[in-house]
Amino acid sequence: NPDAYSAIAEAAPRVEADGRVVARTV
């Protein structure tokens, strides 16, 4: 969601569990 923009931008991308979970998009 857009309220996560700052967190997404800081990680860009955030990669967890050896790529099983990835977050880089709003």
mmCIF file of all heavy atoms, coordinates in Angstrom:
data_MODEL
# 
_entry.id   MODEL 
# 
loop_
_atom_site.group_PDB 
_atom_site.id 
_atom_site.type_symbol 
_atom_site.label_atom_id 
_atom_site.label_alt_id 
_atom_site.label_comp_id 
_atom_site.label_asym_id 
_atom_site.label_entity_id 
_atom_site.label_seq_id 
_atom_site.pdbx_PDB_ins_code 
_atom_site.Cartn_x 
_atom_site.Cartn_y 
_atom_site.Cartn_z 
_atom_site.occupancy 
_atom_site.B_iso_or_equiv 
_atom_site.pdbx_formal_charge 
_atom_site.auth_seq_id 
_atom_site.auth_comp_id 
_atom_site.auth_asym_id 
_atom_site.auth_atom_id 
_atom_site.pdbx_PDB_model_num 
ATOM 1   N N   . ASN A 1 1  ? 0.836  -1.200  0.000  1.00 0.00 ? 1  ASN A N   1 
ATOM 2   C CA  . ASN A 1 1  ? 0.000  0.000   0.000  1.00 0.00 ? 1  ASN A CA  1 
ATOM 3   C C   . ASN A 1 1  ? 0.876  1.258   0.000  1.00 0.00 ? 1  ASN A C   1 
ATOM 4   O O   . ASN A 1 1  ? 2.023  1.231   0.456  1.00 0.00 ? 1  ASN A O   1 
ATOM 5   C CB  . ASN A 1 1  ? -0.913 -0.009  1.217  1.00 0.00 ? 1  ASN A CB  1 
ATOM 6   C CG  . ASN A 1 1  ? -1.994 -1.063  1.117  1.00 0.00 ? 1  ASN A CG  1 
ATOM 7   O OD1 . ASN A 1 1  ? -2.459 -1.383  0.028  1.00 0.00 ? 1  ASN A OD1 1 
ATOM 8   N ND2 . ASN A 1 1  ? -2.396 -1.611  2.245  1.00 0.00 ? 1  ASN A ND2 1 
ATOM 9   N N   . PRO A 1 2  ? 0.347  2.392   -0.471 1.00 0.00 ? 2  PRO A N   1 
ATOM 10  C CA  . PRO A 1 2  ? 1.161  3.618   -0.590 1.00 0.00 ? 2  PRO A CA  1 
ATOM 11  C C   . PRO A 1 2  ? 1.760  4.102   0.722  1.00 0.00 ? 2  PRO A C   1 
ATOM 12  O O   . PRO A 1 2  ? 2.820  4.736   0.714  1.00 0.00 ? 2  PRO A O   1 
ATOM 13  C CB  . PRO A 1 2  ? 0.173  4.643   -1.156 1.00 0.00 ? 2  PRO A CB  1 
ATOM 14  C CG  . PRO A 1 2  ? -0.856 3.837   -1.863 1.00 0.00 ? 2  PRO A CG  1 
ATOM 15  C CD  . PRO A 1 2  ? -0.991 2.566   -1.074 1.00 0.00 ? 2  PRO A CD  1 
ATOM 16  N N   . ASP A 1 3  ? 1.119  3.823   1.858  1.00 0.00 ? 3  ASP A N   1 
ATOM 17  C CA  . ASP A 1 3  ? 1.677  4.297   3.124  1.00 0.00 ? 3  ASP A CA  1 
ATOM 18  C C   . ASP A 1 3  ? 2.987  3.606   3.482  1.00 0.00 ? 3  ASP A C   1 
ATOM 19  O O   . ASP A 1 3  ? 3.671  4.004   4.424  1.00 0.00 ? 3  ASP A O   1 
ATOM 20  C CB  . ASP A 1 3  ? 0.663  4.156   4.263  1.00 0.00 ? 3  ASP A CB  1 
ATOM 21  C CG  . ASP A 1 3  ? 0.193  2.720   4.475  1.00 0.00 ? 3  ASP A CG  1 
ATOM 22  O OD1 . ASP A 1 3  ? 0.728  1.810   3.816  1.00 0.00 ? 3  ASP A OD1 1 
ATOM 23  O OD2 . ASP A 1 3  ? -0.725 2.521   5.297  1.00 0.00 ? 3  ASP A OD2 1 
ATOM 24  N N   . ALA A 1 4  ? 3.339  2.581   2.712  1.00 0.00 ? 4  ALA A N   1 
ATOM 25  C CA  . ALA A 1 4  ? 4.609  1.886   2.927  1.00 0.00 ? 4  ALA A CA  1 
ATOM 26  C C   . ALA A 1 4  ? 5.717  2.426   2.034  1.00 0.00 ? 4  ALA A C   1 
ATOM 27  O O   . ALA A 1 4  ? 6.812  1.854   1.996  1.00 0.00 ? 4  ALA A O   1 
ATOM 28  C CB  . ALA A 1 4  ? 4.435  0.386   2.671  1.00 0.00 ? 4  ALA A CB  1 
ATOM 29  N N   . TYR A 1 5  ? 5.462  3.522   1.329  1.00 0.00 ? 5  TYR A N   1 
ATOM 30  C CA  . TYR A 1 5  ? 6.426  4.001   0.336  1.00 0.00 ? 5  TYR A CA  1 
ATOM 31  C C   . TYR A 1 5  ? 7.824  4.188   0.920  1.00 0.00 ? 5  TYR A C   1 
ATOM 32  O O   . TYR A 1 5  ? 8.824  3.733   0.345  1.00 0.00 ? 5  TYR A O   1 
ATOM 33  C CB  . TYR A 1 5  ? 5.954  5.317   -0.291 1.00 0.00 ? 5  TYR A CB  1 
ATOM 34  C CG  . TYR A 1 5  ? 6.939  5.847   -1.310 1.00 0.00 ? 5  TYR A CG  1 
ATOM 35  C CD1 . TYR A 1 5  ? 6.880  5.426   -2.628 1.00 0.00 ? 5  TYR A CD1 1 
ATOM 36  C CD2 . TYR A 1 5  ? 7.959  6.730   -0.935 1.00 0.00 ? 5  TYR A CD2 1 
ATOM 37  C CE1 . TYR A 1 5  ? 7.800  5.888   -3.567 1.00 0.00 ? 5  TYR A CE1 1 
ATOM 38  C CE2 . TYR A 1 5  ? 8.877  7.191   -1.865 1.00 0.00 ? 5  TYR A CE2 1 
ATOM 39  C CZ  . TYR A 1 5  ? 8.797  6.762   -3.179 1.00 0.00 ? 5  TYR A CZ  1 
ATOM 40  O OH  . TYR A 1 5  ? 9.721  7.198   -4.100 1.00 0.00 ? 5  TYR A OH  1 
ATOM 41  N N   . SER A 1 6  ? 7.932  4.850   2.070  1.00 0.00 ? 6  SER A N   1 
ATOM 42  C CA  . SER A 1 6  ? 9.254  5.136   2.643  1.00 0.00 ? 6  SER A CA  1 
ATOM 43  C C   . SER A 1 6  ? 10.013 3.853   2.945  1.00 0.00 ? 6  SER A C   1 
ATOM 44  O O   . SER A 1 6  ? 11.219 3.746   2.669  1.00 0.00 ? 6  SER A O   1 
ATOM 45  C CB  . SER A 1 6  ? 9.112  5.977   3.914  1.00 0.00 ? 6  SER A CB  1 
ATOM 46  O OG  . SER A 1 6  ? 8.561  7.239   3.606  1.00 0.00 ? 6  SER A OG  1 
ATOM 47  N N   . ALA A 1 7  ? 9.309  2.857   3.496  1.00 0.00 ? 7  ALA A N   1 
ATOM 48  C CA  . ALA A 1 7  ? 9.959  1.585   3.822  1.00 0.00 ? 7  ALA A CA  1 
ATOM 49  C C   . ALA A 1 7  ? 10.393 0.855   2.558  1.00 0.00 ? 7  ALA A C   1 
ATOM 50  O O   . ALA A 1 7  ? 11.492 0.279   2.507  1.00 0.00 ? 7  ALA A O   1 
ATOM 51  C CB  . ALA A 1 7  ? 9.008  0.716   4.644  1.00 0.00 ? 7  ALA A CB  1 
ATOM 52  N N   . ILE A 1 8  ? 9.552  0.873   1.529  1.00 0.00 ? 8  ILE A N   1 
ATOM 53  C CA  . ILE A 1 8  ? 9.900  0.232   0.262  1.00 0.00 ? 8  ILE A CA  1 
ATOM 54  C C   . ILE A 1 8  ? 11.106 0.930   -0.359 1.00 0.00 ? 8  ILE A C   1 
ATOM 55  O O   . ILE A 1 8  ? 12.058 0.289   -0.831 1.00 0.00 ? 8  ILE A O   1 
ATOM 56  C CB  . ILE A 1 8  ? 8.708  0.255   -0.703 1.00 0.00 ? 8  ILE A CB  1 
ATOM 57  C CG1 . ILE A 1 8  ? 7.567  -0.620  -0.183 1.00 0.00 ? 8  ILE A CG1 1 
ATOM 58  C CG2 . ILE A 1 8  ? 9.129  -0.187  -2.095 1.00 0.00 ? 8  ILE A CG2 1 
ATOM 59  C CD1 . ILE A 1 8  ? 7.806  -2.087  -0.235 1.00 0.00 ? 8  ILE A CD1 1 
ATOM 60  N N   . ALA A 1 9  ? 11.091 2.266   -0.372 1.00 0.00 ? 9  ALA A N   1 
ATOM 61  C CA  . ALA A 1 9  ? 12.183 3.030   -0.980 1.00 0.00 ? 9  ALA A CA  1 
ATOM 62  C C   . ALA A 1 9  ? 13.501 2.785   -0.255 1.00 0.00 ? 9  ALA A C   1 
ATOM 63  O O   . ALA A 1 9  ? 14.561 2.731   -0.875 1.00 0.00 ? 9  ALA A O   1 
ATOM 64  C CB  . ALA A 1 9  ? 11.843 4.516   -0.979 1.00 0.00 ? 9  ALA A CB  1 
ATOM 65  N N   . GLU A 1 10 ? 13.441 2.622   1.053  1.00 0.00 ? 10 GLU A N   1 
ATOM 66  C CA  . GLU A 1 10 ? 14.664 2.418   1.833  1.00 0.00 ? 10 GLU A CA  1 
ATOM 67  C C   . GLU A 1 10 ? 15.303 1.076   1.511  1.00 0.00 ? 10 GLU A C   1 
ATOM 68  O O   . GLU A 1 10 ? 16.527 0.957   1.447  1.00 0.00 ? 10 GLU A O   1 
ATOM 69  C CB  . GLU A 1 10 ? 14.332 2.495   3.319  1.00 0.00 ? 10 GLU A CB  1 
ATOM 70  C CG  . GLU A 1 10 ? 15.551 2.378   4.219  1.00 0.00 ? 10 GLU A CG  1 
ATOM 71  C CD  . GLU A 1 10 ? 15.210 2.542   5.693  1.00 0.00 ? 10 GLU A CD  1 
ATOM 72  O OE1 . GLU A 1 10 ? 14.049 2.875   5.995  1.00 0.00 ? 10 GLU A OE1 1 
ATOM 73  O OE2 . GLU A 1 10 ? 16.112 2.320   6.522  1.00 0.00 ? 10 GLU A OE2 1 
ATOM 74  N N   . ALA A 1 11 ? 14.474 0.044   1.292  1.00 0.00 ? 11 ALA A N   1 
ATOM 75  C CA  . ALA A 1 11 ? 15.017 -1.292  1.017  1.00 0.00 ? 11 ALA A CA  1 
ATOM 76  C C   . ALA A 1 11 ? 15.320 -1.481  -0.466 1.00 0.00 ? 11 ALA A C   1 
ATOM 77  O O   . ALA A 1 11 ? 16.427 -1.846  -0.842 1.00 0.00 ? 11 ALA A O   1 
ATOM 78  C CB  . ALA A 1 11 ? 14.034 -2.354  1.487  1.00 0.00 ? 11 ALA A CB  1 
ATOM 79  N N   . ALA A 1 12 ? 14.332 -1.305  -1.280 1.00 0.00 ? 12 ALA A N   1 
ATOM 80  C CA  . ALA A 1 12 ? 14.392 -1.291  -2.758 1.00 0.00 ? 12 ALA A CA  1 
ATOM 81  C C   . ALA A 1 12 ? 15.466 -2.192  -3.405 1.00 0.00 ? 12 ALA A C   1 
ATOM 82  O O   . ALA A 1 12 ? 16.466 -1.703  -3.892 1.00 0.00 ? 12 ALA A O   1 
ATOM 83  C CB  . ALA A 1 12 ? 14.609 0.147   -3.251 1.00 0.00 ? 12 ALA A CB  1 
ATOM 84  N N   . PRO A 1 13 ? 15.295 -3.500  -3.483 1.00 0.00 ? 13 PRO A N   1 
ATOM 85  C CA  . PRO A 1 13 ? 14.179 -4.253  -2.939 1.00 0.00 ? 13 PRO A CA  1 
ATOM 86  C C   . PRO A 1 13 ? 14.518 -4.876  -1.587 1.00 0.00 ? 13 PRO A C   1 
ATOM 87  O O   . PRO A 1 13 ? 15.685 -5.004  -1.223 1.00 0.00 ? 13 PRO A O   1 
ATOM 88  C CB  . PRO A 1 13 ? 14.004 -5.350  -3.988 1.00 0.00 ? 13 PRO A CB  1 
ATOM 89  C CG  . PRO A 1 13 ? 15.410 -5.643  -4.418 1.00 0.00 ? 13 PRO A CG  1 
ATOM 90  C CD  . PRO A 1 13 ? 16.128 -4.321  -4.381 1.00 0.00 ? 13 PRO A CD  1 
ATOM 91  N N   . ARG A 1 14 ? 13.483 -5.251  -0.883 1.00 0.00 ? 14 ARG A N   1 
ATOM 92  C CA  . ARG A 1 14 ? 13.645 -6.031  0.344  1.00 0.00 ? 14 ARG A CA  1 
ATOM 93  C C   . ARG A 1 14 ? 13.482 -7.503  -0.015 1.00 0.00 ? 14 ARG A C   1 
ATOM 94  O O   . ARG A 1 14 ? 12.466 -7.904  -0.573 1.00 0.00 ? 14 ARG A O   1 
ATOM 95  C CB  . ARG A 1 14 ? 12.596 -5.621  1.372  1.00 0.00 ? 14 ARG A CB  1 
ATOM 96  C CG  . ARG A 1 14 ? 12.664 -6.434  2.659  1.00 0.00 ? 14 ARG A CG  1 
ATOM 97  C CD  . ARG A 1 14 ? 11.592 -6.007  3.644  1.00 0.00 ? 14 ARG A CD  1 
ATOM 98  N NE  . ARG A 1 14 ? 11.553 -6.884  4.791  1.00 0.00 ? 14 ARG A NE  1 
ATOM 99  C CZ  . ARG A 1 14 ? 10.649 -6.797  5.765  1.00 0.00 ? 14 ARG A CZ  1 
ATOM 100 N NH1 . ARG A 1 14 ? 9.712  -5.856  5.703  1.00 0.00 ? 14 ARG A NH1 1 
ATOM 101 N NH2 . ARG A 1 14 ? 10.668 -7.632  6.777  1.00 0.00 ? 14 ARG A NH2 1 
ATOM 102 N N   . VAL A 1 15 ? 14.477 -8.312  0.295  1.00 0.00 ? 15 VAL A N   1 
ATOM 103 C CA  . VAL A 1 15 ? 14.465 -9.730  -0.066 1.00 0.00 ? 15 VAL A CA  1 
ATOM 104 C C   . VAL A 1 15 ? 14.546 -10.555 1.210  1.00 0.00 ? 15 VAL A C   1 
ATOM 105 O O   . VAL A 1 15 ? 15.465 -10.393 2.016  1.00 0.00 ? 15 VAL A O   1 
ATOM 106 C CB  . VAL A 1 15 ? 15.655 -10.080 -0.993 1.00 0.00 ? 15 VAL A CB  1 
ATOM 107 C CG1 . VAL A 1 15 ? 15.631 -11.563 -1.345 1.00 0.00 ? 15 VAL A CG1 1 
ATOM 108 C CG2 . VAL A 1 15 ? 15.609 -9.218  -2.250 1.00 0.00 ? 15 VAL A CG2 1 
ATOM 109 N N   . GLU A 1 16 ? 13.576 -11.436 1.413  1.00 0.00 ? 16 GLU A N   1 
ATOM 110 C CA  . GLU A 1 16 ? 13.491 -12.256 2.610  1.00 0.00 ? 16 GLU A CA  1 
ATOM 111 C C   . GLU A 1 16 ? 13.462 -13.732 2.242  1.00 0.00 ? 16 GLU A C   1 
ATOM 112 O O   . GLU A 1 16 ? 13.024 -14.113 1.160  1.00 0.00 ? 16 GLU A O   1 
ATOM 113 C CB  . GLU A 1 16 ? 12.226 -11.908 3.418  1.00 0.00 ? 16 GLU A CB  1 
ATOM 114 C CG  . GLU A 1 16 ? 12.139 -10.461 3.872  1.00 0.00 ? 16 GLU A CG  1 
ATOM 115 C CD  . GLU A 1 16 ? 13.073 -10.151 5.033  1.00 0.00 ? 16 GLU A CD  1 
ATOM 116 O OE1 . GLU A 1 16 ? 13.684 -11.091 5.586  1.00 0.00 ? 16 GLU A OE1 1 
ATOM 117 O OE2 . GLU A 1 16 ? 13.191 -8.963  5.395  1.00 0.00 ? 16 GLU A OE2 1 
ATOM 118 N N   . ALA A 1 17 ? 13.920 -14.569 3.178  1.00 0.00 ? 17 ALA A N   1 
ATOM 119 C CA  . ALA A 1 17 ? 13.840 -16.028 3.046  1.00 0.00 ? 17 ALA A CA  1 
ATOM 120 C C   . ALA A 1 17 ? 14.413 -16.504 1.715  1.00 0.00 ? 17 ALA A C   1 
ATOM 121 O O   . ALA A 1 17 ? 13.801 -17.304 1.000  1.00 0.00 ? 17 ALA A O   1 
ATOM 122 C CB  . ALA A 1 17 ? 12.397 -16.501 3.214  1.00 0.00 ? 17 ALA A CB  1 
ATOM 123 N N   . ASP A 1 18 ? 15.624 -16.018 1.392  1.00 0.00 ? 18 ASP A N   1 
ATOM 124 C CA  . ASP A 1 18 ? 16.323 -16.401 0.174  1.00 0.00 ? 18 ASP A CA  1 
ATOM 125 C C   . ASP A 1 18 ? 15.444 -16.201 -1.067 1.00 0.00 ? 18 ASP A C   1 
ATOM 126 O O   . ASP A 1 18 ? 15.406 -17.039 -1.964 1.00 0.00 ? 18 ASP A O   1 
ATOM 127 C CB  . ASP A 1 18 ? 16.786 -17.859 0.256  1.00 0.00 ? 18 ASP A CB  1 
ATOM 128 C CG  . ASP A 1 18 ? 17.721 -18.230 -0.896 1.00 0.00 ? 18 ASP A CG  1 
ATOM 129 O OD1 . ASP A 1 18 ? 18.420 -17.326 -1.411 1.00 0.00 ? 18 ASP A OD1 1 
ATOM 130 O OD2 . ASP A 1 18 ? 17.725 -19.408 -1.321 1.00 0.00 ? 18 ASP A OD2 1 
ATOM 131 N N   . GLY A 1 19 ? 14.741 -15.077 -1.093 1.00 0.00 ? 19 GLY A N   1 
ATOM 132 C CA  . GLY A 1 19 ? 13.966 -14.751 -2.280 1.00 0.00 ? 19 GLY A CA  1 
ATOM 133 C C   . GLY A 1 19 ? 12.568 -15.326 -2.305 1.00 0.00 ? 19 GLY A C   1 
ATOM 134 O O   . GLY A 1 19 ? 11.847 -15.142 -3.300 1.00 0.00 ? 19 GLY A O   1 
ATOM 135 N N   . ARG A 1 20 ? 12.132 -15.975 -1.248 1.00 0.00 ? 20 ARG A N   1 
ATOM 136 C CA  . ARG A 1 20 ? 10.755 -16.469 -1.222 1.00 0.00 ? 20 ARG A CA  1 
ATOM 137 C C   . ARG A 1 20 ? 9.764  -15.320 -1.051 1.00 0.00 ? 20 ARG A C   1 
ATOM 138 O O   . ARG A 1 20 ? 8.617  -15.405 -1.496 1.00 0.00 ? 20 ARG A O   1 
ATOM 139 C CB  . ARG A 1 20 ? 10.579 -17.499 -0.099 1.00 0.00 ? 20 ARG A CB  1 
ATOM 140 C CG  . ARG A 1 20 ? 11.257 -18.826 -0.342 1.00 0.00 ? 20 ARG A CG  1 
ATOM 141 C CD  . ARG A 1 20 ? 10.634 -19.593 -1.483 1.00 0.00 ? 20 ARG A CD  1 
ATOM 142 N NE  . ARG A 1 20 ? 9.353  -20.181 -1.143 1.00 0.00 ? 20 ARG A NE  1 
ATOM 143 C CZ  . ARG A 1 20 ? 9.205  -21.394 -0.624 1.00 0.00 ? 20 ARG A CZ  1 
ATOM 144 N NH1 . ARG A 1 20 ? 10.276 -22.144 -0.391 1.00 0.00 ? 20 ARG A NH1 1 
ATOM 145 N NH2 . ARG A 1 20 ? 8.005  -21.864 -0.351 1.00 0.00 ? 20 ARG A NH2 1 
ATOM 146 N N   . VAL A 1 21 ? 10.189 -14.228 -0.413 1.00 0.00 ? 21 VAL A N   1 
ATOM 147 C CA  . VAL A 1 21 ? 9.353  -13.043 -0.249 1.00 0.00 ? 21 VAL A CA  1 
ATOM 148 C C   . VAL A 1 21 ? 10.193 -11.832 -0.659 1.00 0.00 ? 21 VAL A C   1 
ATOM 149 O O   . VAL A 1 21 ? 11.275 -11.613 -0.108 1.00 0.00 ? 21 VAL A O   1 
ATOM 150 C CB  . VAL A 1 21 ? 8.857  -12.893 1.199  1.00 0.00 ? 21 VAL A CB  1 
ATOM 151 C CG1 . VAL A 1 21 ? 8.018  -11.624 1.340  1.00 0.00 ? 21 VAL A CG1 1 
ATOM 152 C CG2 . VAL A 1 21 ? 8.054  -14.118 1.628  1.00 0.00 ? 21 VAL A CG2 1 
ATOM 153 N N   . VAL A 1 22 ? 9.694  -11.060 -1.620 1.00 0.00 ? 22 VAL A N   1 
ATOM 154 C CA  . VAL A 1 22 ? 10.399 -9.878  -2.126 1.00 0.00 ? 22 VAL A CA  1 
ATOM 155 C C   . VAL A 1 22 ? 9.412  -8.707  -2.147 1.00 0.00 ? 22 VAL A C   1 
ATOM 156 O O   . VAL A 1 22 ? 8.268  -8.852  -2.570 1.00 0.00 ? 22 VAL A O   1 
ATOM 157 C CB  . VAL A 1 22 ? 10.958 -10.114 -3.543 1.00 0.00 ? 22 VAL A CB  1 
ATOM 158 C CG1 . VAL A 1 22 ? 11.610 -8.845  -4.080 1.00 0.00 ? 22 VAL A CG1 1 
ATOM 159 C CG2 . VAL A 1 22 ? 11.948 -11.274 -3.539 1.00 0.00 ? 22 VAL A CG2 1 
ATOM 160 N N   . ALA A 1 23 ? 9.855  -7.538  -1.682 1.00 0.00 ? 23 ALA A N   1 
ATOM 161 C CA  . ALA A 1 23 ? 9.010  -6.339  -1.702 1.00 0.00 ? 23 ALA A CA  1 
ATOM 162 C C   . ALA A 1 23 ? 9.802  -5.180  -2.301 1.00 0.00 ? 23 ALA A C   1 
ATOM 163 O O   . ALA A 1 23 ? 10.845 -4.814  -1.781 1.00 0.00 ? 23 ALA A O   1 
ATOM 164 C CB  . ALA A 1 23 ? 8.544  -5.995  -0.292 1.00 0.00 ? 23 ALA A CB  1 
ATOM 165 N N   . ARG A 1 24 ? 9.281  -4.618  -3.400 1.00 0.00 ? 24 ARG A N   1 
ATOM 166 C CA  . ARG A 1 24 ? 9.924  -3.449  -4.010 1.00 0.00 ? 24 ARG A CA  1 
ATOM 167 C C   . ARG A 1 24 ? 8.913  -2.556  -4.736 1.00 0.00 ? 24 ARG A C   1 
ATOM 168 O O   . ARG A 1 24 ? 9.290  -1.622  -5.427 1.00 0.00 ? 24 ARG A O   1 
ATOM 169 C CB  . ARG A 1 24 ? 11.013 -3.889  -4.996 1.00 0.00 ? 24 ARG A CB  1 
ATOM 170 C CG  . ARG A 1 24 ? 10.483 -4.517  -6.271 1.00 0.00 ? 24 ARG A CG  1 
ATOM 171 C CD  . ARG A 1 24 ? 11.608 -4.953  -7.207 1.00 0.00 ? 24 ARG A CD  1 
ATOM 172 N NE  . ARG A 1 24 ? 12.485 -3.868  -7.567 1.00 0.00 ? 24 ARG A NE  1 
ATOM 173 C CZ  . ARG A 1 24 ? 13.727 -4.041  -8.045 1.00 0.00 ? 24 ARG A CZ  1 
ATOM 174 N NH1 . ARG A 1 24 ? 14.206 -5.275  -8.198 1.00 0.00 ? 24 ARG A NH1 1 
ATOM 175 N NH2 . ARG A 1 24 ? 14.471 -3.015  -8.375 1.00 0.00 ? 24 ARG A NH2 1 
ATOM 176 N N   . THR A 1 25 ? 7.621  -2.841  -4.559 1.00 0.00 ? 25 THR A N   1 
ATOM 177 C CA  . THR A 1 25 ? 6.598  -2.219  -5.386 1.00 0.00 ? 25 THR A CA  1 
ATOM 178 C C   . THR A 1 25 ? 5.535  -1.556  -4.523 1.00 0.00 ? 25 THR A C   1 
ATOM 179 O O   . THR A 1 25 ? 5.207  -2.041  -3.442 1.00 0.00 ? 25 THR A O   1 
ATOM 180 C CB  . THR A 1 25 ? 5.940  -3.279  -6.292 1.00 0.00 ? 25 THR A CB  1 
ATOM 181 O OG1 . THR A 1 25 ? 6.959  -3.971  -7.008 1.00 0.00 ? 25 THR A OG1 1 
ATOM 182 C CG2 . THR A 1 25 ? 4.971  -2.657  -7.273 1.00 0.00 ? 25 THR A CG2 1 
ATOM 183 N N   . VAL A 1 26 ? 4.976  -0.441  -5.025 1.00 0.00 ? 26 VAL A N   1 
ATOM 184 C CA  . VAL A 1 26 ? 3.861  0.242   -4.379 1.00 0.00 ? 26 VAL A CA  1 
ATOM 185 C C   . VAL A 1 26 ? 2.679  0.238   -5.343 1.00 0.00 ? 26 VAL A C   1 
ATOM 186 O O   . VAL A 1 26 ? 2.835  0.499   -6.539 1.00 0.00 ? 26 VAL A O   1 
ATOM 187 C CB  . VAL A 1 26 ? 4.237  1.685   -3.988 1.00 0.00 ? 26 VAL A CB  1 
ATOM 188 C CG1 . VAL A 1 26 ? 3.006  2.485   -3.587 1.00 0.00 ? 26 VAL A CG1 1 
ATOM 189 C CG2 . VAL A 1 26 ? 5.248  1.672   -2.844 1.00 0.00 ? 26 VAL A CG2 1 
# 
